[in-house]
């Protein structure tokens, strides 16, 4: 990861900040199974960072295949954010 961020022109501290937010938002998304008010914040926050990841791949002219994982998780984050329904989560958690 250090090498990847170096190629992107992002400092080591920037790498740690991005990592902190990505891990924090991922944990928040898991916590949103119980605290449903966090779901959209976490999913759209992750989507923001994933769009940044795709942008950086494009910026340094990486092959498009390197953007596939970020694009897939971006799609998942957006689906969660836009189709969030508390009744589905409550049914899952209560059974």
Protein backbone atom coordinates (compact mmCIF):
# COMPACT_ATOMS: atom_id res chain seq x y z
CA UNK A 1 0.00 0.00 0.00
CA UNK A 2 2.85 2.39 0.74
CA UNK A 3 4.17 1.99 -2.78
CA UNK A 4 0.72 2.52 -4.26
CA UNK A 5 0.19 5.74 -2.31
CA UNK A 6 3.69 6.91 -3.21
CA UNK A 7 2.82 6.46 -6.90
CA UNK A 8 -0.38 8.44 -6.32
CA UNK A 9 1.66 11.25 -4.80
CA UNK A 10 0.02 10.91 -1.39
CA UNK A 11 2.18 11.17 1.72
CA UNK A 12 2.56 8.44 4.30
CA UNK A 13 0.43 10.48 6.71
CA UNK A 14 -2.22 10.76 3.99
CA UNK A 15 -2.16 6.99 3.64
CA UNK A 16 -2.78 6.60 7.37
CA UNK A 17 -5.61 9.16 7.32
CA UNK A 18 -7.33 7.45 4.38
CA UNK A 19 -6.85 4.05 6.02
CA UNK A 20 -8.26 5.33 9.31
CA UNK A 21 -11.41 6.62 7.62
CA UNK A 22 -11.91 3.55 5.43
CA UNK A 23 -11.57 1.18 8.39
CA UNK A 24 -13.69 3.43 10.61
CA UNK A 25 -16.46 3.69 8.03
CA UNK A 26 -16.35 -0.07 7.44
CA UNK A 27 -16.72 -0.76 11.16
CA UNK A 28 -19.52 1.82 11.29
CA UNK A 29 -21.30 0.04 8.45
CA UNK A 30 -21.15 -3.22 10.41
CA UNK A 31 -22.37 -1.40 13.54
CA UNK A 32 -25.26 -0.04 11.51
CA UNK A 33 -26.85 -3.49 11.69
CA UNK A 34 -27.77 -2.46 15.24
CA UNK A 35 -27.67 1.34 14.93
CA UNK A 36 -29.53 1.81 11.65
CA UNK A 37 -29.19 5.60 11.68
CA UNK A 38 -25.50 5.09 10.79
CA UNK A 39 -26.11 3.11 7.60
CA UNK A 40 -26.31 5.90 5.07
CA UNK A 41 -23.50 7.91 6.67
CA UNK A 42 -21.19 4.90 6.52
CA UNK A 43 -22.17 3.72 3.05
CA UNK A 44 -21.96 7.16 1.41
CA UNK A 45 -18.71 7.89 3.27
CA UNK A 46 -17.20 4.69 1.93
CA UNK A 47 -18.54 5.53 -1.54
CA UNK A 48 -16.71 8.87 -1.37
CA UNK A 49 -13.37 7.19 -0.62
CA UNK A 50 -13.94 4.51 -3.26
CA UNK A 51 -14.63 7.18 -5.88
CA UNK A 52 -11.34 8.77 -4.84
CA UNK A 53 -9.62 5.42 -5.30
CA UNK A 54 -11.01 5.03 -8.80
CA UNK A 55 -10.04 8.62 -9.62
CA UNK A 56 -6.45 7.98 -8.51
CA UNK A 57 -6.24 4.85 -10.68
CA UNK A 58 -7.42 6.89 -13.66
CA UNK A 59 -5.10 9.79 -12.81
CA UNK A 60 -1.96 7.64 -12.91
CA UNK A 61 -3.25 5.77 -15.97
CA UNK A 62 -3.45 2.35 -14.32
CA UNK A 63 -5.02 -0.39 -16.44
CA UNK A 64 -8.81 -0.33 -15.96
CA UNK A 65 -8.70 -3.79 -14.36
CA UNK A 66 -7.04 -2.28 -11.27
CA UNK A 67 -10.20 -0.23 -10.65
CA UNK A 68 -12.54 -3.23 -10.66
CA UNK A 69 -12.39 -3.98 -6.89
CA UNK A 70 -12.99 -0.32 -5.98
CA UNK A 71 -15.79 -0.05 -8.56
CA UNK A 72 -17.46 -3.21 -7.22
CA UNK A 73 -17.36 -1.99 -3.62
CA UNK A 74 -18.50 1.47 -4.74
CA UNK A 75 -21.53 -0.15 -6.35
CA UNK A 76 -22.27 -2.11 -3.16
CA UNK A 77 -21.91 0.99 -0.97
CA UNK A 78 -24.25 2.98 -3.22
CA UNK A 79 -26.82 0.16 -3.31
CA UNK A 80 -26.77 0.02 0.49
CA UNK A 81 -27.02 3.79 0.78
CA UNK A 82 -29.82 4.29 -1.72
CA UNK A 83 -31.92 1.20 -0.95
CA UNK A 84 -31.56 1.17 2.84
CA UNK A 85 -34.70 -0.09 4.58
CA UNK A 86 -34.82 -0.41 8.37
CA UNK A 87 -37.47 -3.14 8.27
CA UNK A 88 -35.09 -5.51 6.47
CA UNK A 89 -32.32 -4.86 8.99
CA UNK A 90 -34.73 -5.29 11.91
CA UNK A 91 -35.98 -8.60 10.51
CA UNK A 92 -32.39 -9.82 10.14
CA UNK A 93 -31.29 -8.75 13.61
CA UNK A 94 -34.40 -9.93 15.45
CA UNK A 95 -34.37 -13.47 14.07
